[in-house]
Amino acid sequence: MSKMKNRSYKSNGANNRGKRNYSSNNGSARRAPGGGGGNASNNRAKYIERAQEALSNGNRVEAETYFQYAEHYGRVAAKNEISATEAKESNINNEETAKNPEKEPEDNKES
């Protein structure tokens, strides 16, 4: 008669060794209350509105939290605006260069 091993330890989930999930998409990441979908300008306006509502309800701590989110999204919006302006200027400069390539000076031409 062969010896039977007690395998009841596997029933408690111990058989998942080496099968860890290192994905950051597990839902435990900290997020802004109420989600953060939309663009930065819209999020800023949303959090200012929520902060004002919290103040009117007498909740200064919650209002401060929302004002901090609004400030963050204000900085993000400003950064995005600067990046967009720089990209637009770069595109304009590239188009002008393509249309009017620099001509060689007269002194460098062979006679």
N, C-alpha and C. Protein backbone atom coordinates (compact mmCIF):
# COMPACT_ATOMS: atom_id res chain seq x y z
N MET A 1 0.83 -1.17 0.00
CA MET A 1 0.00 0.00 0.00
C MET A 1 0.88 1.24 0.00
N SER A 2 0.65 2.14 -0.92
CA SER A 2 1.47 3.35 -1.00
C SER A 2 0.96 4.40 -0.03
N LYS A 3 1.89 5.25 0.37
CA LYS A 3 1.52 6.32 1.31
C LYS A 3 0.84 7.45 0.55
N MET A 4 -0.25 7.93 1.08
CA MET A 4 -0.97 9.07 0.49
C MET A 4 -0.51 10.35 1.19
N LYS A 5 -0.15 11.36 0.40
CA LYS A 5 0.23 12.64 0.97
C LYS A 5 -1.00 13.49 1.20
N ASN A 6 -0.97 14.22 2.26
CA ASN A 6 -2.07 15.13 2.56
C ASN A 6 -1.91 16.39 1.71
N ARG A 7 -2.79 16.57 0.78
CA ARG A 7 -2.71 17.71 -0.13
C ARG A 7 -3.76 18.78 0.18
N SER A 8 -4.27 18.75 1.36
CA SER A 8 -5.30 19.72 1.72
C SER A 8 -4.76 21.15 1.79
N TYR A 9 -3.43 21.30 1.91
CA TYR A 9 -2.84 22.63 1.98
C TYR A 9 -3.11 23.42 0.70
N LYS A 10 -3.33 22.74 -0.42
CA LYS A 10 -3.57 23.44 -1.68
C LYS A 10 -4.94 24.10 -1.73
N SER A 11 -5.83 23.66 -0.91
CA SER A 11 -7.18 24.21 -0.96
C SER A 11 -7.26 25.64 -0.45
N ASN A 12 -6.25 26.09 0.28
CA ASN A 12 -6.30 27.44 0.82
C ASN A 12 -5.59 28.46 -0.09
N GLY A 13 -5.29 28.11 -1.30
CA GLY A 13 -4.67 29.03 -2.24
C GLY A 13 -3.16 29.00 -2.25
N ALA A 14 -2.55 28.10 -1.51
CA ALA A 14 -1.10 28.03 -1.43
C ALA A 14 -0.48 27.53 -2.73
N ASN A 15 -1.29 27.05 -3.65
CA ASN A 15 -0.76 26.53 -4.91
C ASN A 15 -0.47 27.65 -5.91
N ASN A 16 -0.57 28.88 -5.51
CA ASN A 16 -0.32 30.00 -6.42
C ASN A 16 1.11 30.51 -6.34
N ARG A 17 1.99 29.75 -5.75
CA ARG A 17 3.38 30.19 -5.67
C ARG A 17 3.97 30.38 -7.06
N GLY A 18 4.67 31.49 -7.23
CA GLY A 18 5.30 31.76 -8.51
C GLY A 18 4.34 32.30 -9.55
N LYS A 19 3.10 32.47 -9.20
CA LYS A 19 2.12 32.99 -10.16
C LYS A 19 1.60 34.34 -9.68
N ARG A 20 2.51 35.21 -9.36
CA ARG A 20 2.12 36.51 -8.85
C ARG A 20 1.74 37.45 -9.99
N ASN A 21 0.83 38.33 -9.70
CA ASN A 21 0.39 39.31 -10.67
C ASN A 21 1.06 40.64 -10.35
N TYR A 22 1.98 41.06 -11.19
CA TYR A 22 2.69 42.31 -10.98
C TYR A 22 2.09 43.45 -11.79
N SER A 23 0.93 43.22 -12.32
CA SER A 23 0.27 44.23 -13.13
C SER A 23 -0.13 45.43 -12.27
N SER A 24 0.03 46.63 -12.82
CA SER A 24 -0.39 47.83 -12.09
C SER A 24 -1.86 48.13 -12.35
N ASN A 25 -2.51 47.27 -13.09
CA ASN A 25 -3.91 47.48 -13.43
C ASN A 25 -4.81 46.68 -12.50
N ASN A 26 -4.54 46.77 -11.20
CA ASN A 26 -5.30 45.97 -10.25
C ASN A 26 -6.37 46.77 -9.53
N GLY A 27 -6.53 48.04 -9.84
CA GLY A 27 -7.58 48.84 -9.25
C GLY A 27 -7.24 49.41 -7.90
N SER A 28 -6.07 49.12 -7.36
CA SER A 28 -5.73 49.63 -6.04
C SER A 28 -4.95 50.94 -6.12
N ALA A 29 -4.71 51.43 -7.30
CA ALA A 29 -3.97 52.68 -7.44
C ALA A 29 -4.80 53.82 -6.89
N ARG A 30 -4.13 54.78 -6.28
CA ARG A 30 -4.83 55.93 -5.72
C ARG A 30 -5.24 56.86 -6.85
N ARG A 31 -6.47 57.28 -6.80
CA ARG A 31 -7.01 58.14 -7.84
C ARG A 31 -7.72 59.31 -7.22
N ALA A 32 -7.91 60.34 -8.02
CA ALA A 32 -8.65 61.50 -7.55
C ALA A 32 -10.10 61.10 -7.29
N PRO A 33 -10.69 61.63 -6.23
CA PRO A 33 -12.09 61.29 -5.96
C PRO A 33 -12.98 61.68 -7.13
N GLY A 34 -13.85 60.81 -7.53
CA GLY A 34 -14.78 61.12 -8.60
C GLY A 34 -14.20 60.91 -9.98
N GLY A 35 -13.05 60.30 -10.08
CA GLY A 35 -12.45 60.04 -11.38
C GLY A 35 -11.73 61.25 -11.92
N GLY A 36 -10.98 61.07 -12.97
CA GLY A 36 -10.22 62.17 -13.55
C GLY A 36 -10.34 62.19 -15.04
N GLY A 37 -11.41 61.62 -15.57
CA GLY A 37 -11.57 61.59 -17.02
C GLY A 37 -11.78 62.97 -17.59
N GLY A 38 -11.46 63.14 -18.83
CA GLY A 38 -11.60 64.44 -19.46
C GLY A 38 -10.27 65.14 -19.57
N ASN A 39 -10.31 66.36 -20.10
CA ASN A 39 -9.05 67.07 -20.23
C ASN A 39 -8.75 67.89 -18.98
N ALA A 40 -7.55 68.41 -18.89
CA ALA A 40 -7.09 69.07 -17.67
C ALA A 40 -7.92 70.31 -17.35
N SER A 41 -8.30 71.08 -18.35
CA SER A 41 -9.09 72.29 -18.09
C SER A 41 -10.46 71.93 -17.52
N ASN A 42 -11.09 70.91 -18.07
CA ASN A 42 -12.39 70.48 -17.55
C ASN A 42 -12.26 69.94 -16.14
N ASN A 43 -11.21 69.17 -15.88
CA ASN A 43 -11.00 68.63 -14.54
C ASN A 43 -10.77 69.75 -13.53
N ARG A 44 -10.02 70.77 -13.92
CA ARG A 44 -9.78 71.91 -13.03
C ARG A 44 -11.09 72.57 -12.65
N ALA A 45 -11.93 72.84 -13.65
CA ALA A 45 -13.22 73.48 -13.39
C ALA A 45 -14.10 72.59 -12.49
N LYS A 46 -14.06 71.28 -12.74
CA LYS A 46 -14.87 70.35 -11.96
C LYS A 46 -14.45 70.38 -10.49
N TYR A 47 -13.14 70.36 -10.23
CA TYR A 47 -12.68 70.33 -8.85
C TYR A 47 -12.86 71.67 -8.15
N ILE A 48 -12.80 72.76 -8.87
CA ILE A 48 -13.11 74.05 -8.25
C ILE A 48 -14.57 74.08 -7.82
N GLU A 49 -15.44 73.58 -8.69
CA GLU A 49 -16.86 73.52 -8.35
C GLU A 49 -17.11 72.64 -7.13
N ARG A 50 -16.46 71.49 -7.08
CA ARG A 50 -16.62 70.59 -5.94
C ARG A 50 -16.08 71.23 -4.66
N ALA A 51 -14.96 71.95 -4.77
CA ALA A 51 -14.39 72.61 -3.60
C ALA A 51 -15.33 73.68 -3.07
N GLN A 52 -15.93 74.45 -3.96
CA GLN A 52 -16.87 75.48 -3.53
C GLN A 52 -18.10 74.86 -2.88
N GLU A 53 -18.55 73.73 -3.41
CA GLU A 53 -19.69 73.03 -2.82
C GLU A 53 -19.33 72.52 -1.42
N ALA A 54 -18.14 71.98 -1.27
CA ALA A 54 -17.71 71.48 0.03
C ALA A 54 -17.61 72.63 1.04
N LEU A 55 -17.13 73.78 0.59
CA LEU A 55 -17.06 74.94 1.48
C LEU A 55 -18.45 75.37 1.92
N SER A 56 -19.39 75.36 0.98
CA SER A 56 -20.74 75.78 1.33
C SER A 56 -21.39 74.80 2.31
N ASN A 57 -20.93 73.54 2.30
CA ASN A 57 -21.43 72.55 3.25
C ASN A 57 -20.65 72.56 4.56
N GLY A 58 -19.64 73.42 4.66
CA GLY A 58 -18.87 73.55 5.88
C GLY A 58 -17.73 72.57 6.02
N ASN A 59 -17.37 71.86 4.95
CA ASN A 59 -16.31 70.86 5.01
C ASN A 59 -15.04 71.45 4.42
N ARG A 60 -14.24 72.10 5.26
CA ARG A 60 -13.03 72.79 4.79
C ARG A 60 -11.94 71.81 4.36
N VAL A 61 -11.86 70.66 5.01
CA VAL A 61 -10.82 69.67 4.67
C VAL A 61 -11.07 69.12 3.27
N GLU A 62 -12.30 68.72 3.00
CA GLU A 62 -12.64 68.21 1.67
C GLU A 62 -12.44 69.29 0.61
N ALA A 63 -12.81 70.54 0.95
CA ALA A 63 -12.64 71.64 0.01
C ALA A 63 -11.17 71.83 -0.33
N GLU A 64 -10.31 71.76 0.67
CA GLU A 64 -8.87 71.93 0.43
C GLU A 64 -8.34 70.82 -0.47
N THR A 65 -8.83 69.60 -0.27
CA THR A 65 -8.42 68.49 -1.13
C THR A 65 -8.79 68.78 -2.59
N TYR A 66 -10.02 69.23 -2.80
CA TYR A 66 -10.47 69.54 -4.15
C TYR A 66 -9.70 70.73 -4.74
N PHE A 67 -9.40 71.72 -3.91
CA PHE A 67 -8.61 72.85 -4.43
C PHE A 67 -7.21 72.39 -4.85
N GLN A 68 -6.65 71.43 -4.13
CA GLN A 68 -5.34 70.91 -4.52
C GLN A 68 -5.41 70.16 -5.85
N TYR A 69 -6.48 69.39 -6.05
CA TYR A 69 -6.64 68.73 -7.34
C TYR A 69 -6.81 69.78 -8.45
N ALA A 70 -7.58 70.81 -8.18
CA ALA A 70 -7.79 71.87 -9.18
C ALA A 70 -6.47 72.54 -9.52
N GLU A 71 -5.65 72.81 -8.51
CA GLU A 71 -4.35 73.43 -8.74
C GLU A 71 -3.47 72.52 -9.61
N HIS A 72 -3.48 71.24 -9.31
CA HIS A 72 -2.70 70.28 -10.10
C HIS A 72 -3.13 70.32 -11.56
N TYR A 73 -4.44 70.22 -11.81
CA TYR A 73 -4.92 70.21 -13.18
C TYR A 73 -4.70 71.55 -13.87
N GLY A 74 -4.64 72.63 -13.11
CA GLY A 74 -4.29 73.93 -13.69
C GLY A 74 -2.86 73.93 -14.21
N ARG A 75 -1.95 73.34 -13.43
CA ARG A 75 -0.55 73.24 -13.89
C ARG A 75 -0.45 72.33 -15.11
N VAL A 76 -1.18 71.23 -15.11
CA VAL A 76 -1.15 70.31 -16.26
C VAL A 76 -1.68 71.01 -17.51
N ALA A 77 -2.76 71.77 -17.36
CA ALA A 77 -3.34 72.49 -18.50
C ALA A 77 -2.37 73.52 -19.05
N ALA A 78 -1.69 74.24 -18.15
CA ALA A 78 -0.71 75.24 -18.59
C ALA A 78 0.45 74.57 -19.34
N LYS A 79 0.91 73.45 -18.82
CA LYS A 79 2.00 72.73 -19.48
C LYS A 79 1.57 72.23 -20.86
N ASN A 80 0.33 71.70 -20.94
CA ASN A 80 -0.18 71.23 -22.23
C ASN A 80 -0.31 72.37 -23.23
N GLU A 81 -0.73 73.53 -22.75
CA GLU A 81 -0.88 74.69 -23.63
C GLU A 81 0.48 75.14 -24.17
N ILE A 82 1.48 75.16 -23.31
CA ILE A 82 2.83 75.54 -23.74
C ILE A 82 3.36 74.54 -24.76
N SER A 83 3.16 73.25 -24.50
CA SER A 83 3.62 72.22 -25.44
C SER A 83 2.93 72.35 -26.79
N ALA A 84 1.62 72.63 -26.76
CA ALA A 84 0.88 72.78 -28.01
C ALA A 84 1.36 74.00 -28.79
N THR A 85 1.64 75.09 -28.08
CA THR A 85 2.13 76.30 -28.74
C THR A 85 3.50 76.05 -29.37
N GLU A 86 4.38 75.38 -28.62
CA GLU A 86 5.71 75.07 -29.15
C GLU A 86 5.61 74.16 -30.37
N ALA A 87 4.73 73.18 -30.33
CA ALA A 87 4.57 72.27 -31.46
C ALA A 87 4.05 73.02 -32.68
N LYS A 88 3.11 73.93 -32.45
CA LYS A 88 2.56 74.71 -33.56
C LYS A 88 3.64 75.60 -34.19
N GLU A 89 4.45 76.25 -33.34
CA GLU A 89 5.53 77.09 -33.84
C GLU A 89 6.56 76.26 -34.61
N SER A 90 6.85 75.08 -34.11
CA SER A 90 7.80 74.21 -34.78
C SER A 90 7.28 73.80 -36.15
N ASN A 91 5.99 73.48 -36.23
CA ASN A 91 5.40 73.10 -37.51
C ASN A 91 5.43 74.26 -38.49
N ILE A 92 5.16 75.47 -38.02
CA ILE A 92 5.20 76.66 -38.89
C ILE A 92 6.61 76.87 -39.41
N ASN A 93 7.61 76.75 -38.52
CA ASN A 93 9.00 76.93 -38.94
C ASN A 93 9.41 75.86 -39.94
N ASN A 94 8.97 74.62 -39.74
CA ASN A 94 9.31 73.55 -40.68
C ASN A 94 8.67 73.78 -42.04
N GLU A 95 7.44 74.26 -42.05
CA GLU A 95 6.76 74.55 -43.32
C GLU A 95 7.45 75.69 -44.07
N GLU A 96 7.86 76.73 -43.34
CA GLU A 96 8.55 77.86 -43.98
C GLU A 96 9.88 77.41 -44.56
N THR A 97 10.60 76.57 -43.85
CA THR A 97 11.89 76.07 -44.32
C THR A 97 11.71 75.22 -45.57
N ALA A 98 10.65 74.43 -45.60
CA ALA A 98 10.40 73.58 -46.76
C ALA A 98 10.01 74.41 -47.99
N LYS A 99 9.29 75.50 -47.78
CA LYS A 99 8.86 76.35 -48.89
C LYS A 99 9.99 77.23 -49.40
N ASN A 100 10.82 77.73 -48.50
CA ASN A 100 11.89 78.66 -48.88
C ASN A 100 13.24 78.16 -48.38
N PRO A 101 13.82 77.17 -49.04
CA PRO A 101 15.13 76.69 -48.60
C PRO A 101 16.16 77.81 -48.78
N GLU A 102 17.12 77.84 -47.89
CA GLU A 102 18.14 78.88 -47.95
C GLU A 102 18.97 78.71 -49.23
N LYS A 103 19.20 79.84 -49.89
CA LYS A 103 19.99 79.82 -51.12
C LYS A 103 21.45 80.00 -50.78
N GLU A 104 22.32 79.45 -51.64
CA GLU A 104 23.75 79.61 -51.42
C GLU A 104 24.14 81.05 -51.71
N PRO A 105 25.05 81.57 -50.92
CA PRO A 105 25.52 82.93 -51.21
C PRO A 105 26.24 82.98 -52.55
N GLU A 106 26.24 84.16 -53.17
CA GLU A 106 26.84 84.36 -54.49
C GLU A 106 28.34 84.07 -54.49
N ASP A 107 29.02 84.31 -53.36
CA ASP A 107 30.46 84.15 -53.28
C ASP A 107 30.91 82.69 -53.44
N ASN A 108 30.07 81.75 -53.09
CA ASN A 108 30.45 80.33 -53.11
C ASN A 108 30.25 79.69 -54.48
N LYS A 109 29.64 80.38 -55.42
CA LYS A 109 29.38 79.78 -56.75
C LYS A 109 30.67 79.73 -57.55
N GLU A 110 30.82 78.66 -58.34
CA GLU A 110 32.00 78.54 -59.19
C GLU A 110 31.81 79.39 -60.42
N SER A 111 32.90 79.98 -60.92
CA SER A 111 32.82 80.83 -62.11
C SER A 111 33.29 80.12 -63.33
